Amino acid sequence: MNKKELIKAVSKQSNLTQKDCIQCLNALKSVITDTLQRGEIISLVGFGRFYTKVSQKREIYNPVTKQKHIVKSQILPKFKASNSIKVRF
């Protein structure tokens, strides 16, 4: 499902216009991004948890060029689904 299909589905289920759903989705994305950039965790009971994780600096090997490269440490956004969602699969 892509963004357009998600907006149509939410619009149909919530009886909101697609324009309102686009604004809600964009606002949600903005709030989640800003919150994660501040290093905070977002917990939605029954849905899941958004958080950040720091990846460690590591050395990788390119088999084609036979050279070693260093990948820098970075902060990555993560999502963990709640158990109520997991059991449905």
PDB file of N, CA and C in Angstrom:
ATOM      1  N   MET A   1       0.845  -1.171   0.000  1.00  0.00           N
ATOM      2  CA  MET A   1       0.000   0.000   0.000  1.00  0.00           C
ATOM      3  C   MET A   1       0.897   1.243   0.000  1.00  0.00           C
ATOM      4  N   ASN A   2       0.618   2.155  -0.898  1.00  0.00           N
ATOM      5  CA  ASN A   2       1.385   3.398  -0.937  1.00  0.00           C
ATOM      6  C   ASN A   2       0.595   4.520  -0.244  1.00  0.00           C
ATOM      7  N   LYS A   3       1.160   5.716  -0.230  1.00  0.00           N
ATOM      8  CA  LYS A   3       0.554   6.829   0.492  1.00  0.00           C
ATOM      9  C   LYS A   3      -0.841   7.163  -0.033  1.00  0.00           C
ATOM     10  N   LYS A   4      -0.999   7.166  -1.343  1.00  0.00           N
ATOM     11  CA  LYS A   4      -2.281   7.500  -1.948  1.00  0.00           C
ATOM     12  C   LYS A   4      -3.356   6.488  -1.556  1.00  0.00           C
ATOM     13  N   GLU A   5      -3.009   5.218  -1.584  1.00  0.00           N
ATOM     14  CA  GLU A   5      -3.955   4.165  -1.205  1.00  0.00           C
ATOM     15  C   GLU A   5      -4.293   4.242   0.287  1.00  0.00           C
ATOM     16  N   LEU A   6      -3.306   4.563   1.112  1.00  0.00           N
ATOM     17  CA  LEU A   6      -3.540   4.712   2.549  1.00  0.00           C
ATOM     18  C   LEU A   6      -4.499   5.865   2.814  1.00  0.00           C
ATOM     19  N   ILE A   7      -4.313   6.970   2.142  1.00  0.00           N
ATOM     20  CA  ILE A   7      -5.194   8.128   2.324  1.00  0.00           C
ATOM     21  C   ILE A   7      -6.621   7.790   1.912  1.00  0.00           C
ATOM     22  N   LYS A   8      -6.787   7.074   0.805  1.00  0.00           N
ATOM     23  CA  LYS A   8      -8.125   6.674   0.366  1.00  0.00           C
ATOM     24  C   LYS A   8      -8.787   5.753   1.388  1.00  0.00           C
ATOM     25  N   ALA A   9      -8.035   4.803   1.923  1.00  0.00           N
ATOM     26  CA  ALA A   9      -8.586   3.855   2.892  1.00  0.00           C
ATOM     27  C   ALA A   9      -8.977   4.554   4.192  1.00  0.00           C
ATOM     28  N   VAL A  10      -8.130   5.449   4.672  1.00  0.00           N
ATOM     29  CA  VAL A  10      -8.435   6.184   5.911  1.00  0.00           C
ATOM     30  C   VAL A  10      -9.627   7.101   5.692  1.00  0.00           C
ATOM     31  N   SER A  11      -9.678   7.739   4.550  1.00  0.00           N
ATOM     32  CA  SER A  11     -10.788   8.620   4.219  1.00  0.00           C
ATOM     33  C   SER A  11     -12.111   7.857   4.198  1.00  0.00           C
ATOM     34  N   LYS A  12     -12.100   6.692   3.610  1.00  0.00           N
ATOM     35  CA  LYS A  12     -13.317   5.872   3.512  1.00  0.00           C
ATOM     36  C   LYS A  12     -13.768   5.393   4.890  1.00  0.00           C
ATOM     37  N   GLN A  13     -12.822   4.964   5.718  1.00  0.00           N
ATOM     38  CA  GLN A  13     -13.170   4.403   7.022  1.00  0.00           C
ATOM     39  C   GLN A  13     -13.554   5.481   8.039  1.00  0.00           C
ATOM     40  N   SER A  14     -12.979   6.669   7.918  1.00  0.00           N
ATOM     41  CA  SER A  14     -13.214   7.712   8.918  1.00  0.00           C
ATOM     42  C   SER A  14     -14.255   8.746   8.497  1.00  0.00           C
ATOM     43  N   ASN A  15     -14.727   8.663   7.271  1.00  0.00           N
ATOM     44  CA  ASN A  15     -15.682   9.633   6.719  1.00  0.00           C
ATOM     45  C   ASN A  15     -15.113  11.058   6.698  1.00  0.00           C
ATOM     46  N   LEU A  16     -13.794  11.173   6.574  1.00  0.00           N
ATOM     47  CA  LEU A  16     -13.137  12.462   6.384  1.00  0.00           C
ATOM     48  C   LEU A  16     -12.806  12.622   4.902  1.00  0.00           C
ATOM     49  N   THR A  17     -12.582  13.860   4.475  1.00  0.00           N
ATOM     50  CA  THR A  17     -12.189  14.062   3.083  1.00  0.00           C
ATOM     51  C   THR A  17     -10.735  13.630   2.913  1.00  0.00           C
ATOM     52  N   GLN A  18     -10.367  13.350   1.683  1.00  0.00           N
ATOM     53  CA  GLN A  18      -8.984  12.963   1.408  1.00  0.00           C
ATOM     54  C   GLN A  18      -8.031  14.111   1.723  1.00  0.00           C
ATOM     55  N   LYS A  19      -8.481  15.345   1.521  1.00  0.00           N
ATOM     56  CA  LYS A  19      -7.658  16.508   1.834  1.00  0.00           C
ATOM     57  C   LYS A  19      -7.358  16.559   3.337  1.00  0.00           C
ATOM     58  N   ASP A  20      -8.364  16.283   4.167  1.00  0.00           N
ATOM     59  CA  ASP A  20      -8.163  16.255   5.618  1.00  0.00           C
ATOM     60  C   ASP A  20      -7.220  15.124   6.017  1.00  0.00           C
ATOM     61  N   CYS A  21      -7.355  13.980   5.376  1.00  0.00           N
ATOM     62  CA  CYS A  21      -6.493  12.834   5.670  1.00  0.00           C
ATOM     63  C   CYS A  21      -5.039  13.121   5.293  1.00  0.00           C
ATOM     64  N   ILE A  22      -4.827  13.829   4.195  1.00  0.00           N
ATOM     65  CA  ILE A  22      -3.469  14.202   3.782  1.00  0.00           C
ATOM     66  C   ILE A  22      -2.853  15.116   4.836  1.00  0.00           C
ATOM     67  N   GLN A  23      -3.623  16.100   5.314  1.00  0.00           N
ATOM     68  CA  GLN A  23      -3.124  17.010   6.344  1.00  0.00           C
ATOM     69  C   GLN A  23      -2.804  16.263   7.629  1.00  0.00           C
ATOM     70  N   CYS A  24      -3.658  15.326   8.020  1.00  0.00           N
ATOM     71  CA  CYS A  24      -3.424  14.537   9.237  1.00  0.00           C
ATOM     72  C   CYS A  24      -2.170  13.677   9.101  1.00  0.00           C
ATOM     73  N   LEU A  25      -2.018  13.032   7.966  1.00  0.00           N
ATOM     74  CA  LEU A  25      -0.860  12.171   7.745  1.00  0.00           C
ATOM     75  C   LEU A  25       0.440  12.983   7.744  1.00  0.00           C
ATOM     76  N   ASN A  26       0.420  14.136   7.092  1.00  0.00           N
ATOM     77  CA  ASN A  26       1.606  15.001   7.061  1.00  0.00           C
ATOM     78  C   ASN A  26       1.933  15.537   8.456  1.00  0.00           C
ATOM     79  N   ALA A  27       0.904  15.894   9.222  1.00  0.00           N
ATOM     80  CA  ALA A  27       1.125  16.380  10.588  1.00  0.00           C
ATOM     81  C   ALA A  27       1.683  15.270  11.471  1.00  0.00           C
ATOM     82  N   LEU A  28       1.141  14.066  11.324  1.00  0.00           N
ATOM     83  CA  LEU A  28       1.629  12.922  12.106  1.00  0.00           C
ATOM     84  C   LEU A  28       3.092  12.645  11.796  1.00  0.00           C
ATOM     85  N   LYS A  29       3.427  12.658  10.513  1.00  0.00           N
ATOM     86  CA  LYS A  29       4.816  12.439  10.102  1.00  0.00           C
ATOM     87  C   LYS A  29       5.743  13.497  10.674  1.00  0.00           C
ATOM     88  N   SER A  30       5.305  14.731  10.664  1.00  0.00           N
ATOM     89  CA  SER A  30       6.106  15.841  11.187  1.00  0.00           C
ATOM     90  C   SER A  30       6.307  15.720  12.692  1.00  0.00           C
ATOM     91  N   VAL A  31       5.252  15.394  13.423  1.00  0.00           N
ATOM     92  CA  VAL A  31       5.347  15.262  14.881  1.00  0.00           C
ATOM     93  C   VAL A  31       6.260  14.098  15.256  1.00  0.00           C
ATOM     94  N   ILE A  32       6.111  12.973  14.575  1.00  0.00           N
ATOM     95  CA  ILE A  32       6.961  11.809  14.856  1.00  0.00           C
ATOM     96  C   ILE A  32       8.424  12.143  14.577  1.00  0.00           C
ATOM     97  N   THR A  33       8.697  12.775  13.447  1.00  0.00           N
ATOM     98  CA  THR A  33      10.069  13.134  13.082  1.00  0.00           C
ATOM     99  C   THR A  33      10.683  14.089  14.095  1.00  0.00           C
ATOM    100  N   ASP A  34       9.954  15.131  14.460  1.00  0.00           N
ATOM    101  CA  ASP A  34      10.466  16.115  15.424  1.00  0.00           C
ATOM    102  C   ASP A  34      10.721  15.476  16.785  1.00  0.00           C
ATOM    103  N   THR A  35       9.825  14.612  17.220  1.00  0.00           N
ATOM    104  CA  THR A  35       9.968  13.958  18.519  1.00  0.00           C
ATOM    105  C   THR A  35      11.179  13.034  18.529  1.00  0.00           C
ATOM    106  N   LEU A  36      11.376  12.274  17.458  1.00  0.00           N
ATOM    107  CA  LEU A  36      12.523  11.369  17.391  1.00  0.00           C
ATOM    108  C   LEU A  36      13.834  12.141  17.300  1.00  0.00           C
ATOM    109  N   GLN A  37      13.829  13.281  16.632  1.00  0.00           N
ATOM    110  CA  GLN A  37      15.041  14.097  16.552  1.00  0.00           C
ATOM    111  C   GLN A  37      15.449  14.633  17.919  1.00  0.00           C
ATOM    112  N   ARG A  38      14.481  14.832  18.810  1.00  0.00           N
ATOM    113  CA  ARG A  38      14.787  15.268  20.171  1.00  0.00           C
ATOM    114  C   ARG A  38      15.224  14.097  21.047  1.00  0.00           C
ATOM    115  N   GLY A  39      15.190  12.878  20.512  1.00  0.00           N
ATOM    116  CA  GLY A  39      15.629  11.706  21.256  1.00  0.00           C
ATOM    117  C   GLY A  39      14.556  11.102  22.142  1.00  0.00           C
ATOM    118  N   GLU A  40      13.313  11.500  21.952  1.00  0.00           N
ATOM    119  CA  GLU A  40      12.217  10.988  22.758  1.00  0.00           C
ATOM    120  C   GLU A  40      11.602   9.747  22.118  1.00  0.00           C
ATOM    121  N   ILE A  41      10.856   9.002  22.910  1.00  0.00           N
ATOM    122  CA  ILE A  41      10.179   7.785  22.449  1.00  0.00           C
ATOM    123  C   ILE A  41       8.692   8.078  22.335  1.00  0.00           C
ATOM    124  N   ILE A  42       8.056   7.545  21.304  1.00  0.00           N
ATOM    125  CA  ILE A  42       6.612   7.670  21.138  1.00  0.00           C
ATOM    126  C   ILE A  42       6.009   6.283  21.320  1.00  0.00           C
ATOM    127  N   SER A  43       5.171   6.136  22.349  1.00  0.00           N
ATOM    128  CA  SER A  43       4.508   4.861  22.620  1.00  0.00           C
ATOM    129  C   SER A  43       3.021   5.010  22.377  1.00  0.00           C
ATOM    130  N   LEU A  44       2.475   4.198  21.495  1.00  0.00           N
ATOM    131  CA  LEU A  44       1.051   4.176  21.216  1.00  0.00           C
ATOM    132  C   LEU A  44       0.522   2.805  21.634  1.00  0.00           C
ATOM    133  N   VAL A  45      -0.189   2.763  22.752  1.00  0.00           N
ATOM    134  CA  VAL A  45      -0.678   1.496  23.293  1.00  0.00           C
ATOM    135  C   VAL A  45      -1.577   0.810  22.266  1.00  0.00           C
ATOM    136  N   GLY A  46      -1.302  -0.459  22.026  1.00  0.00           N
ATOM    137  CA  GLY A  46      -2.074  -1.233  21.061  1.00  0.00           C
ATOM    138  C   GLY A  46      -1.573  -1.097  19.631  1.00  0.00           C
ATOM    139  N   PHE A  47      -0.611  -0.225  19.404  1.00  0.00           N
ATOM    140  CA  PHE A  47      -0.069  -0.040  18.057  1.00  0.00           C
ATOM    141  C   PHE A  47       1.418  -0.339  18.010  1.00  0.00           C
ATOM    142  N   GLY A  48       2.207   0.395  18.779  1.00  0.00           N
ATOM    143  CA  GLY A  48       3.639   0.149  18.772  1.00  0.00           C
ATOM    144  C   GLY A  48       4.418   1.300  19.365  1.00  0.00           C
ATOM    145  N   ARG A  49       5.714   1.259  19.120  1.00  0.00           N
ATOM    146  CA  ARG A  49       6.628   2.231  19.714  1.00  0.00           C
ATOM    147  C   ARG A  49       7.620   2.710  18.667  1.00  0.00           C
ATOM    148  N   PHE A  50       7.781   4.024  18.557  1.00  0.00           N
ATOM    149  CA  PHE A  50       8.787   4.636  17.705  1.00  0.00           C
ATOM    150  C   PHE A  50       9.933   5.071  18.599  1.00  0.00           C
ATOM    151  N   TYR A  51      11.165   4.774  18.204  1.00  0.00           N
ATOM    152  CA  TYR A  51      12.329   5.154  18.990  1.00  0.00           C
ATOM    153  C   TYR A  51      13.540   5.264  18.069  1.00  0.00           C
ATOM    154  N   THR A  52      14.654   5.735  18.621  1.00  0.00           N
ATOM    155  CA  THR A  52      15.879   5.824  17.830  1.00  0.00           C
ATOM    156  C   THR A  52      16.926   4.889  18.420  1.00  0.00           C
ATOM    157  N   LYS A  53      17.828   4.465  17.569  1.00  0.00           N
ATOM    158  CA  LYS A  53      18.911   3.581  17.989  1.00  0.00           C
ATOM    159  C   LYS A  53      20.196   4.069  17.325  1.00  0.00           C
ATOM    160  N   VAL A  54      21.281   4.022  18.075  1.00  0.00           N
ATOM    161  CA  VAL A  54      22.576   4.448  17.549  1.00  0.00           C
ATOM    162  C   VAL A  54      23.302   3.223  17.005  1.00  0.00           C
ATOM    163  N   SER A  55      23.644   3.265  15.721  1.00  0.00           N
ATOM    164  CA  SER A  55      24.417   2.164  15.140  1.00  0.00           C
ATOM    165  C   SER A  55      25.900   2.433  15.407  1.00  0.00           C
ATOM    166  N   GLN A  56      26.629   1.395  15.644  1.00  0.00           N
ATOM    167  CA  GLN A  56      28.053   1.530  15.947  1.00  0.00           C
ATOM    168  C   GLN A  56      28.874   1.690  14.666  1.00  0.00           C
ATOM    169  N   LYS A  57      29.992   2.368  14.792  1.00  0.00           N
ATOM    170  CA  LYS A  57      30.926   2.490  13.681  1.00  0.00           C
ATOM    171  C   LYS A  57      31.465   1.088  13.393  1.00  0.00           C
ATOM    172  N   ARG A  58      31.514   0.732  12.115  1.00  0.00           N
ATOM    173  CA  ARG A  58      31.986  -0.615  11.779  1.00  0.00           C
ATOM    174  C   ARG A  58      32.776  -0.595  10.479  1.00  0.00           C
ATOM    175  N   GLU A  59      33.528  -1.638  10.295  1.00  0.00           N
ATOM    176  CA  GLU A  59      34.353  -1.776   9.099  1.00  0.00           C
ATOM    177  C   GLU A  59      33.695  -2.806   8.183  1.00  0.00           C
ATOM    178  N   ILE A  60      33.556  -2.445   6.914  1.00  0.00           N
ATOM    179  CA  ILE A  60      32.981  -3.376   5.941  1.00  0.00           C
ATOM    180  C   ILE A  60      34.024  -3.686   4.873  1.00  0.00           C
ATOM    181  N   TYR A  61      33.782  -4.765   4.153  1.00  0.00           N
ATOM    182  CA  TYR A  61      34.715  -5.241   3.140  1.00  0.00           C
ATOM    183  C   TYR A  61      33.984  -5.317   1.809  1.00  0.00           C
ATOM    184  N   ASN A  62      34.557  -4.695   0.768  1.00  0.00           N
ATOM    185  CA  ASN A  62      33.996  -4.757  -0.573  1.00  0.00           C
ATOM    186  C   ASN A  62      34.694  -5.892  -1.320  1.00  0.00           C
ATOM    187  N   PRO A  63      33.974  -6.984  -1.630  1.00  0.00           N
ATOM    188  CA  PRO A  63      34.615  -8.128  -2.275  1.00  0.00           C
ATOM    189  C   PRO A  63      35.076  -7.851  -3.713  1.00  0.00           C
ATOM    190  N   VAL A  64      34.480  -6.864  -4.378  1.00  0.00           N
ATOM    191  CA  VAL A  64      34.859  -6.552  -5.755  1.00  0.00           C
ATOM    192  C   VAL A  64      36.198  -5.828  -5.788  1.00  0.00           C
ATOM    193  N   THR A  65      36.325  -4.786  -4.976  1.00  0.00           N
ATOM    194  CA  THR A  65      37.561  -4.004  -4.981  1.00  0.00           C
ATOM    195  C   THR A  65      38.581  -4.495  -3.957  1.00  0.00           C
ATOM    196  N   LYS A  66      38.136  -5.392  -3.084  1.00  0.00           N
ATOM    197  CA  LYS A  66      38.978  -5.961  -2.023  1.00  0.00           C
ATOM    198  C   LYS A  66      39.518  -4.873  -1.091  1.00  0.00           C
ATOM    199  N   GLN A  67      38.692  -3.840  -0.878  1.00  0.00           N
ATOM    200  CA  GLN A  67      39.073  -2.756   0.017  1.00  0.00           C
ATOM    201  C   GLN A  67      38.156  -2.741   1.233  1.00  0.00           C
ATOM    202  N   LYS A  68      38.710  -2.239   2.324  1.00  0.00           N
ATOM    203  CA  LYS A  68      37.940  -2.083   3.543  1.00  0.00           C
ATOM    204  C   LYS A  68      37.475  -0.637   3.646  1.00  0.00           C
ATOM    205  N   HIS A  69      36.220  -0.458   4.104  1.00  0.00           N
ATOM    206  CA  HIS A  69      35.653   0.870   4.295  1.00  0.00           C
ATOM    207  C   HIS A  69      35.092   0.956   5.706  1.00  0.00           C
ATOM    208  N   ILE A  70      35.079   2.148   6.233  1.00  0.00           N
ATOM    209  CA  ILE A  70      34.511   2.369   7.557  1.00  0.00           C
ATOM    210  C   ILE A  70      33.161   3.064   7.397  1.00  0.00           C
ATOM    211  N   VAL A  71      32.126   2.474   8.012  1.00  0.00           N
ATOM    212  CA  VAL A  71      30.799   3.062   8.023  1.00  0.00           C
ATOM    213  C   VAL A  71      30.658   3.813   9.345  1.00  0.00           C
ATOM    214  N   LYS A  72      30.342   5.086   9.282  1.00  0.00           N
ATOM    215  CA  LYS A  72      30.253   5.927  10.472  1.00  0.00           C
ATOM    216  C   LYS A  72      29.057   5.545  11.335  1.00  0.00           C
ATOM    217  N   SER A  73      29.141   5.871  12.603  1.00  0.00           N
ATOM    218  CA  SER A  73      28.035   5.693  13.533  1.00  0.00           C
ATOM    219  C   SER A  73      26.922   6.662  13.144  1.00  0.00           C
ATOM    220  N   GLN A  74      25.678   6.211  13.271  1.00  0.00           N
ATOM    221  CA  GLN A  74      24.560   7.084  12.934  1.00  0.00           C
ATOM    222  C   GLN A  74      23.346   6.764  13.796  1.00  0.00           C
ATOM    223  N   ILE A  75      22.441   7.718  13.891  1.00  0.00           N
ATOM    224  CA  ILE A  75      21.211   7.534  14.645  1.00  0.00           C
ATOM    225  C   ILE A  75      20.126   7.123  13.661  1.00  0.00           C
ATOM    226  N   LEU A  76      19.456   5.991  13.937  1.00  0.00           N
ATOM    227  CA  LEU A  76      18.460   5.446  13.035  1.00  0.00           C
ATOM    228  C   LEU A  76      17.089   5.386  13.706  1.00  0.00           C
ATOM    229  N   PRO A  77      16.020   5.763  12.994  1.00  0.00           N
ATOM    230  CA  PRO A  77      14.681   5.620  13.556  1.00  0.00           C
ATOM    231  C   PRO A  77      14.250   4.155  13.487  1.00  0.00           C
ATOM    232  N   LYS A  78      13.527   3.701  14.515  1.00  0.00           N
ATOM    233  CA  LYS A  78      13.062   2.315  14.576  1.00  0.00           C
ATOM    234  C   LYS A  78      11.596   2.296  14.991  1.00  0.00           C
ATOM    235  N   PHE A  79      10.913   1.198  14.650  1.00  0.00           N
ATOM    236  CA  PHE A  79       9.531   0.980  15.073  1.00  0.00           C
ATOM    237  C   PHE A  79       9.393  -0.452  15.527  1.00  0.00           C
ATOM    238  N   LYS A  80       8.737  -0.640  16.663  1.00  0.00           N
ATOM    239  CA  LYS A  80       8.466  -1.982  17.169  1.00  0.00           C
ATOM    240  C   LYS A  80       6.957  -2.098  17.360  1.00  0.00           C
ATOM    241  N   ALA A  81       6.342  -3.048  16.661  1.00  0.00           N
ATOM    242  CA  ALA A  81       4.895  -3.256  16.738  1.00  0.00           C
ATOM    243  C   ALA A  81       4.528  -3.863  18.089  1.00  0.00           C
ATOM    244  N   SER A  82       3.321  -3.523  18.552  1.00  0.00           N
ATOM    245  CA  SER A  82       2.844  -4.067  19.831  1.00  0.00           C
ATOM    246  C   SER A  82       2.459  -5.531  19.656  1.00  0.00           C
ATOM    247  N   ASN A  83       2.341  -6.229  20.768  1.00  0.00           N
ATOM    248  CA  ASN A  83       1.966  -7.643  20.722  1.00  0.00           C
ATOM    249  C   ASN A  83       0.576  -7.861  20.134  1.00  0.00           C
ATOM    250  N   SER A  84      -0.337  -6.908  20.364  1.00  0.00           N
ATOM    251  CA  SER A  84      -1.691  -7.066  19.813  1.00  0.00           C
ATOM    252  C   SER A  84      -1.686  -7.056  18.289  1.00  0.00           C
ATOM    253  N   ILE A  85      -0.731  -6.376  17.683  1.00  0.00           N
ATOM    254  CA  ILE A  85      -0.609  -6.393  16.225  1.00  0.00           C
ATOM    255  C   ILE A  85       0.126  -7.661  15.783  1.00  0.00           C
ATOM    256  N   LYS A  86       1.155  -8.031  16.518  1.00  0.00           N
ATOM    257  CA  LYS A  86       1.952  -9.210  16.146  1.00  0.00           C
ATOM    258  C   LYS A  86       1.141 -10.501  16.139  1.00  0.00           C
ATOM    259  N   VAL A  87       0.231 -10.660  17.097  1.00  0.00           N
ATOM    260  CA  VAL A  87      -0.531 -11.908  17.182  1.00  0.00           C
ATOM    261  C   VAL A  87      -1.521 -12.065  16.043  1.00  0.00           C
ATOM    262  N   ARG A  88      -1.837 -11.004  15.348  1.00  0.00           N
ATOM    263  CA  ARG A  88      -2.760 -11.088  14.212  1.00  0.00           C
ATOM    264  C   ARG A  88      -2.115 -11.702  12.979  1.00  0.00           C
ATOM    265  N   PHE A  89      -0.802 -11.866  13.028  1.00  0.00           N
ATOM    266  CA  PHE A  89      -0.083 -12.444  11.888  1.00  0.00           C
ATOM    267  C   PHE A  89       0.376 -13.805  12.271  1.00  0.00           C
TER     268      PHE A  89
END
